[in-house]
Amino acid sequence: MGFTELEVESVDTKAKDDAPSASDMTKGLVLFIITLVAYAFYCLGVKVAMKRFTLSVPELIFIRSFILIAPFYLVVKRFKQDHLAITAEDQAHLVMRVIYGFISDALLFVSITMISYSKGFCLFFTNTLMGPFIARAMLGEKIKKWDMIGIAIGACGMLMIVQPFGQQEI
């Protein structure tokens, strides 16, 4: 089962014509914040598990994949989505997203074995600073002056937290 043509058409029409309401924006921001907090606890659990059980990064990724397969499958079944009925273009995008997500999580796990959790997490979330450049490369969007100012401020904040030029312990 899935969406009927009428439901899909009404969703497409609403998405094109109407801007999201203040209520929708608030709900979206709250869900986004909850997701960030949940991901922070998840990464903290990864750091604790790696130290407590002396797991290497490949072992941790392998174990995590087995733990996450069942919930992902149940979500797909719960919402009755046919996860195989997607276009070839969407399949290619999905494969790239999985590959890049795997690489980013693996590199995050490697970084938190080498540096503190807070520094690794800070560096991981600098990916949002790359968004305008990725949008420029992939979508042809222009990078605005305010984007560059925001990127510069974010990079300065990241440098203040990570302090890569400070005194290093060897």
C-alpha atoms as a PDB file:
ATOM      1  CA  MET A   1       0.000   0.000   0.000  1.00  0.00           C
ATOM      2  CA  GLY A   2       1.046   3.572  -0.204  1.00  0.00           C
ATOM      3  CA  PHE A   3      -0.360   6.913  -1.052  1.00  0.00           C
ATOM      4  CA  THR A   4      -3.246   7.224  -3.492  1.00  0.00           C
ATOM      5  CA  GLU A   5      -2.828   9.457  -6.529  1.00  0.00           C
ATOM      6  CA  LEU A   6      -5.112  12.058  -4.960  1.00  0.00           C
ATOM      7  CA  GLU A   7      -3.054  12.127  -1.749  1.00  0.00           C
ATOM      8  CA  VAL A   8       0.206  12.435  -3.662  1.00  0.00           C
ATOM      9  CA  GLU A   9      -1.242  15.177  -5.871  1.00  0.00           C
ATOM     10  CA  SER A  10      -2.550  17.140  -2.881  1.00  0.00           C
ATOM     11  CA  VAL A  11       0.796  16.849  -1.099  1.00  0.00           C
ATOM     12  CA  ASP A  12       2.647  17.978  -4.249  1.00  0.00           C
ATOM     13  CA  THR A  13       0.255  20.895  -4.753  1.00  0.00           C
ATOM     14  CA  LYS A  14       0.551  21.995  -1.136  1.00  0.00           C
ATOM     15  CA  ALA A  15       4.338  21.728  -1.262  1.00  0.00           C
ATOM     16  CA  LYS A  16       4.517  23.939  -4.351  1.00  0.00           C
ATOM     17  CA  ASP A  17       1.908  26.541  -3.444  1.00  0.00           C
ATOM     18  CA  ASP A  18       1.951  27.061   0.317  1.00  0.00           C
ATOM     19  CA  ALA A  19       4.776  28.055   2.573  1.00  0.00           C
ATOM     20  CA  PRO A  20       4.905  26.076   5.821  1.00  0.00           C
ATOM     21  CA  SER A  21       2.908  27.577   8.662  1.00  0.00           C
ATOM     22  CA  ALA A  22       4.520  28.827  11.858  1.00  0.00           C
ATOM     23  CA  SER A  23       3.160  25.744  13.613  1.00  0.00           C
ATOM     24  CA  ASP A  24       4.746  23.430  11.025  1.00  0.00           C
ATOM     25  CA  MET A  25       8.057  25.277  11.293  1.00  0.00           C
ATOM     26  CA  THR A  26       7.983  25.009  15.095  1.00  0.00           C
ATOM     27  CA  LYS A  27       7.234  21.290  14.950  1.00  0.00           C
ATOM     28  CA  GLY A  28      10.046  20.782  12.441  1.00  0.00           C
ATOM     29  CA  LEU A  29      12.549  22.708  14.569  1.00  0.00           C
ATOM     30  CA  VAL A  30      11.556  20.814  17.720  1.00  0.00           C
ATOM     31  CA  LEU A  31      11.957  17.474  15.921  1.00  0.00           C
ATOM     32  CA  PHE A  32      15.315  18.617  14.539  1.00  0.00           C
ATOM     33  CA  ILE A  33      16.544  19.578  18.026  1.00  0.00           C
ATOM     34  CA  ILE A  34      15.334  16.254  19.455  1.00  0.00           C
ATOM     35  CA  THR A  35      17.199  14.462  16.676  1.00  0.00           C
ATOM     36  CA  LEU A  36      20.428  16.356  17.394  1.00  0.00           C
ATOM     37  CA  VAL A  37      20.204  15.606  21.118  1.00  0.00           C
ATOM     38  CA  ALA A  38      19.456  11.930  20.433  1.00  0.00           C
ATOM     39  CA  TYR A  39      22.416  11.742  18.040  1.00  0.00           C
ATOM     40  CA  ALA A  40      24.667  13.341  20.656  1.00  0.00           C
ATOM     41  CA  PHE A  41      23.666  10.661  23.188  1.00  0.00           C
ATOM     42  CA  TYR A  42      24.158   7.990  20.539  1.00  0.00           C
ATOM     43  CA  CYS A  43      27.708   9.204  19.847  1.00  0.00           C
ATOM     44  CA  LEU A  44      28.428   9.414  23.554  1.00  0.00           C
ATOM     45  CA  GLY A  45      27.266   5.803  23.857  1.00  0.00           C
ATOM     46  CA  VAL A  46      29.645   4.901  21.039  1.00  0.00           C
ATOM     47  CA  LYS A  47      32.560   6.504  22.895  1.00  0.00           C
ATOM     48  CA  VAL A  48      31.650   4.712  26.135  1.00  0.00           C
ATOM     49  CA  ALA A  49      31.175   1.360  24.361  1.00  0.00           C
ATOM     50  CA  MET A  50      34.513   1.659  22.598  1.00  0.00           C
ATOM     51  CA  LYS A  51      36.332   2.287  25.880  1.00  0.00           C
ATOM     52  CA  ARG A  52      34.313  -0.102  28.065  1.00  0.00           C
ATOM     53  CA  PHE A  53      34.423  -3.095  25.732  1.00  0.00           C
ATOM     54  CA  THR A  54      37.686  -2.196  23.931  1.00  0.00           C
ATOM     55  CA  LEU A  55      36.076  -2.309  20.521  1.00  0.00           C
ATOM     56  CA  SER A  56      37.825  -1.227  17.370  1.00  0.00           C
ATOM     57  CA  VAL A  57      36.009   0.980  14.871  1.00  0.00           C
ATOM     58  CA  PRO A  58      35.271  -1.867  12.404  1.00  0.00           C
ATOM     59  CA  GLU A  59      33.906  -4.049  15.226  1.00  0.00           C
ATOM     60  CA  LEU A  60      31.710  -1.230  16.452  1.00  0.00           C
ATOM     61  CA  ILE A  61      30.324  -0.494  12.985  1.00  0.00           C
ATOM     62  CA  PHE A  62      29.614  -4.195  12.429  1.00  0.00           C
ATOM     63  CA  ILE A  63      27.766  -4.544  15.746  1.00  0.00           C
ATOM     64  CA  ARG A  64      25.876  -1.296  15.202  1.00  0.00           C
ATOM     65  CA  SER A  65      24.671  -2.440  11.778  1.00  0.00           C
ATOM     66  CA  PHE A  66      23.129  -5.580  13.289  1.00  0.00           C
ATOM     67  CA  ILE A  67      21.451  -3.558  16.034  1.00  0.00           C
ATOM     68  CA  LEU A  68      19.967  -1.055  13.554  1.00  0.00           C
ATOM     69  CA  ILE A  69      18.702  -3.468  10.884  1.00  0.00           C
ATOM     70  CA  ALA A  70      15.607  -4.548  12.853  1.00  0.00           C
ATOM     71  CA  PRO A  71      14.375  -1.037  13.807  1.00  0.00           C
ATOM     72  CA  PHE A  72      14.860   0.223  10.243  1.00  0.00           C
ATOM     73  CA  TYR A  73      12.965  -2.751   8.840  1.00  0.00           C
ATOM     74  CA  LEU A  74      10.137  -2.306  11.364  1.00  0.00           C
ATOM     75  CA  VAL A  75       9.778   1.390  10.509  1.00  0.00           C
ATOM     76  CA  VAL A  76       9.489   0.551   6.813  1.00  0.00           C
ATOM     77  CA  LYS A  77       6.852  -2.101   7.537  1.00  0.00           C
ATOM     78  CA  ARG A  78       4.981   0.099  10.042  1.00  0.00           C
ATOM     79  CA  PHE A  79       4.492   2.875   7.502  1.00  0.00           C
ATOM     80  CA  LYS A  80       3.805   0.346   4.716  1.00  0.00           C
ATOM     81  CA  GLN A  81       6.398   1.766   2.381  1.00  0.00           C
ATOM     82  CA  ASP A  82       7.598  -0.221  -0.579  1.00  0.00           C
ATOM     83  CA  HIS A  83      11.266   0.573  -0.180  1.00  0.00           C
ATOM     84  CA  LEU A  84      12.176  -1.164  -3.426  1.00  0.00           C
ATOM     85  CA  ALA A  85       9.735   0.766  -5.631  1.00  0.00           C
ATOM     86  CA  ILE A  86      11.900   3.825  -6.192  1.00  0.00           C
ATOM     87  CA  THR A  87      13.229   5.276  -9.412  1.00  0.00           C
ATOM     88  CA  ALA A  88      16.694   4.489 -10.688  1.00  0.00           C
ATOM     89  CA  GLU A  89      17.765   8.086 -10.046  1.00  0.00           C
ATOM     90  CA  ASP A  90      16.529   7.879  -6.451  1.00  0.00           C
ATOM     91  CA  GLN A  91      18.295   4.535  -6.036  1.00  0.00           C
ATOM     92  CA  ALA A  92      21.559   6.126  -7.113  1.00  0.00           C
ATOM     93  CA  HIS A  93      21.045   9.016  -4.678  1.00  0.00           C
ATOM     94  CA  LEU A  94      20.135   6.602  -1.893  1.00  0.00           C
ATOM     95  CA  VAL A  95      23.236   4.497  -2.495  1.00  0.00           C
ATOM     96  CA  MET A  96      25.423   7.620  -2.418  1.00  0.00           C
ATOM     97  CA  ARG A  97      23.735   8.777   0.800  1.00  0.00           C
ATOM     98  CA  VAL A  98      24.377   5.403   2.437  1.00  0.00           C
ATOM     99  CA  ILE A  99      28.015   5.408   1.344  1.00  0.00           C
ATOM    100  CA  TYR A 100      28.648   8.971   2.527  1.00  0.00           C
ATOM    101  CA  GLY A 101      26.765   8.368   5.786  1.00  0.00           C
ATOM    102  CA  PHE A 102      28.809   5.245   6.458  1.00  0.00           C
ATOM    103  CA  ILE A 103      32.069   7.058   5.760  1.00  0.00           C
ATOM    104  CA  SER A 104      31.119  10.032   7.951  1.00  0.00           C
ATOM    105  CA  ASP A 105      30.110   7.839  10.893  1.00  0.00           C
ATOM    106  CA  ALA A 106      33.216   5.676  10.520  1.00  0.00           C
ATOM    107  CA  LEU A 107      35.442   8.758  10.486  1.00  0.00           C
ATOM    108  CA  LEU A 108      33.576  10.156  13.505  1.00  0.00           C
ATOM    109  CA  PHE A 109      34.232   6.926  15.410  1.00  0.00           C
ATOM    110  CA  VAL A 110      37.898   7.022  14.405  1.00  0.00           C
ATOM    111  CA  SER A 111      38.195  10.650  15.507  1.00  0.00           C
ATOM    112  CA  ILE A 112      36.726  10.028  18.952  1.00  0.00           C
ATOM    113  CA  THR A 113      39.278   7.267  19.505  1.00  0.00           C
ATOM    114  CA  MET A 114      42.082   9.745  18.817  1.00  0.00           C
ATOM    115  CA  ILE A 115      40.773  12.974  20.367  1.00  0.00           C
ATOM    116  CA  SER A 116      38.242  13.913  23.004  1.00  0.00           C
ATOM    117  CA  TYR A 117      34.548  13.338  22.423  1.00  0.00           C
ATOM    118  CA  SER A 118      33.736  17.051  22.418  1.00  0.00           C
ATOM    119  CA  LYS A 119      36.414  17.882  19.841  1.00  0.00           C
ATOM    120  CA  GLY A 120      35.444  14.976  17.585  1.00  0.00           C
ATOM    121  CA  PHE A 121      31.773  15.896  17.775  1.00  0.00           C
ATOM    122  CA  CYS A 122      32.568  19.554  17.063  1.00  0.00           C
ATOM    123  CA  LEU A 123      34.592  18.628  14.001  1.00  0.00           C
ATOM    124  CA  PHE A 124      31.876  16.246  12.816  1.00  0.00           C
ATOM    125  CA  PHE A 125      29.258  18.980  12.839  1.00  0.00           C
ATOM    126  CA  THR A 126      31.367  21.328  10.763  1.00  0.00           C
ATOM    127  CA  ASN A 127      29.774  19.466   7.848  1.00  0.00           C
ATOM    128  CA  THR A 128      27.018  22.091   7.922  1.00  0.00           C
ATOM    129  CA  LEU A 129      29.636  24.691   7.056  1.00  0.00           C
ATOM    130  CA  MET A 130      30.225  22.815   3.816  1.00  0.00           C
ATOM    131  CA  GLY A 131      26.528  22.913   2.819  1.00  0.00           C
ATOM    132  CA  PRO A 132      26.678  26.050   0.662  1.00  0.00           C
ATOM    133  CA  PHE A 133      29.729  24.752  -1.219  1.00  0.00           C
ATOM    134  CA  ILE A 134      28.081  21.375  -1.815  1.00  0.00           C
ATOM    135  CA  ALA A 135      24.878  23.126  -2.951  1.00  0.00           C
ATOM    136  CA  ARG A 136      26.959  25.237  -5.329  1.00  0.00           C
ATOM    137  CA  ALA A 137      28.679  22.180  -6.781  1.00  0.00           C
ATOM    138  CA  MET A 138      25.628  19.911  -7.001  1.00  0.00           C
ATOM    139  CA  LEU A 139      22.706  22.301  -7.488  1.00  0.00           C
ATOM    140  CA  GLY A 140      24.343  25.387  -8.938  1.00  0.00           C
ATOM    141  CA  GLU A 141      23.090  27.610  -6.111  1.00  0.00           C
ATOM    142  CA  LYS A 142      24.841  30.893  -5.518  1.00  0.00           C
ATOM    143  CA  ILE A 143      26.788  31.421  -2.314  1.00  0.00           C
ATOM    144  CA  LYS A 144      25.610  34.659  -0.771  1.00  0.00           C
ATOM    145  CA  LYS A 145      27.596  37.155   1.255  1.00  0.00           C
ATOM    146  CA  TRP A 146      25.684  36.214   4.424  1.00  0.00           C
ATOM    147  CA  ASP A 147      26.449  32.543   3.810  1.00  0.00           C
ATOM    148  CA  MET A 148      30.161  33.330   3.760  1.00  0.00           C
ATOM    149  CA  ILE A 149      29.868  35.459   6.910  1.00  0.00           C
ATOM    150  CA  GLY A 150      28.047  32.616   8.686  1.00  0.00           C
ATOM    151  CA  ILE A 151      30.635  30.086   7.524  1.00  0.00           C
ATOM    152  CA  ALA A 152      33.468  32.307   8.762  1.00  0.00           C
ATOM    153  CA  ILE A 153      31.813  32.762  12.178  1.00  0.00           C
ATOM    154  CA  GLY A 154      31.142  29.006  12.430  1.00  0.00           C
ATOM    155  CA  ALA A 155      34.723  28.170  11.469  1.00  0.00           C
ATOM    156  CA  CYS A 156      36.051  30.612  14.093  1.00  0.00           C
ATOM    157  CA  GLY A 157      33.805  29.027  16.724  1.00  0.00           C
ATOM    158  CA  MET A 158      34.985  25.560  15.756  1.00  0.00           C
ATOM    159  CA  LEU A 159      38.616  26.689  15.971  1.00  0.00           C
ATOM    160  CA  MET A 160      38.007  28.134  19.447  1.00  0.00           C
ATOM    161  CA  ILE A 161      36.582  24.812  20.662  1.00  0.00           C
ATOM    162  CA  VAL A 162      39.049  22.463  18.975  1.00  0.00           C
ATOM    163  CA  GLN A 163      42.144  24.696  19.367  1.00  0.00           C
ATOM    164  CA  PRO A 164      44.270  22.871  16.795  1.00  0.00           C
ATOM    165  CA  PHE A 165      47.173  25.298  17.236  1.00  0.00           C
ATOM    166  CA  GLY A 166      47.296  25.046  21.021  1.00  0.00           C
ATOM    167  CA  GLN A 167      49.828  23.107  23.024  1.00  0.00           C
ATOM    168  CA  GLN A 168      49.653  19.466  21.998  1.00  0.00           C
ATOM    169  CA  GLU A 169      50.194  16.503  24.298  1.00  0.00           C
ATOM    170  CA  ILE A 170      52.450  13.874  22.786  1.00  0.00           C
END
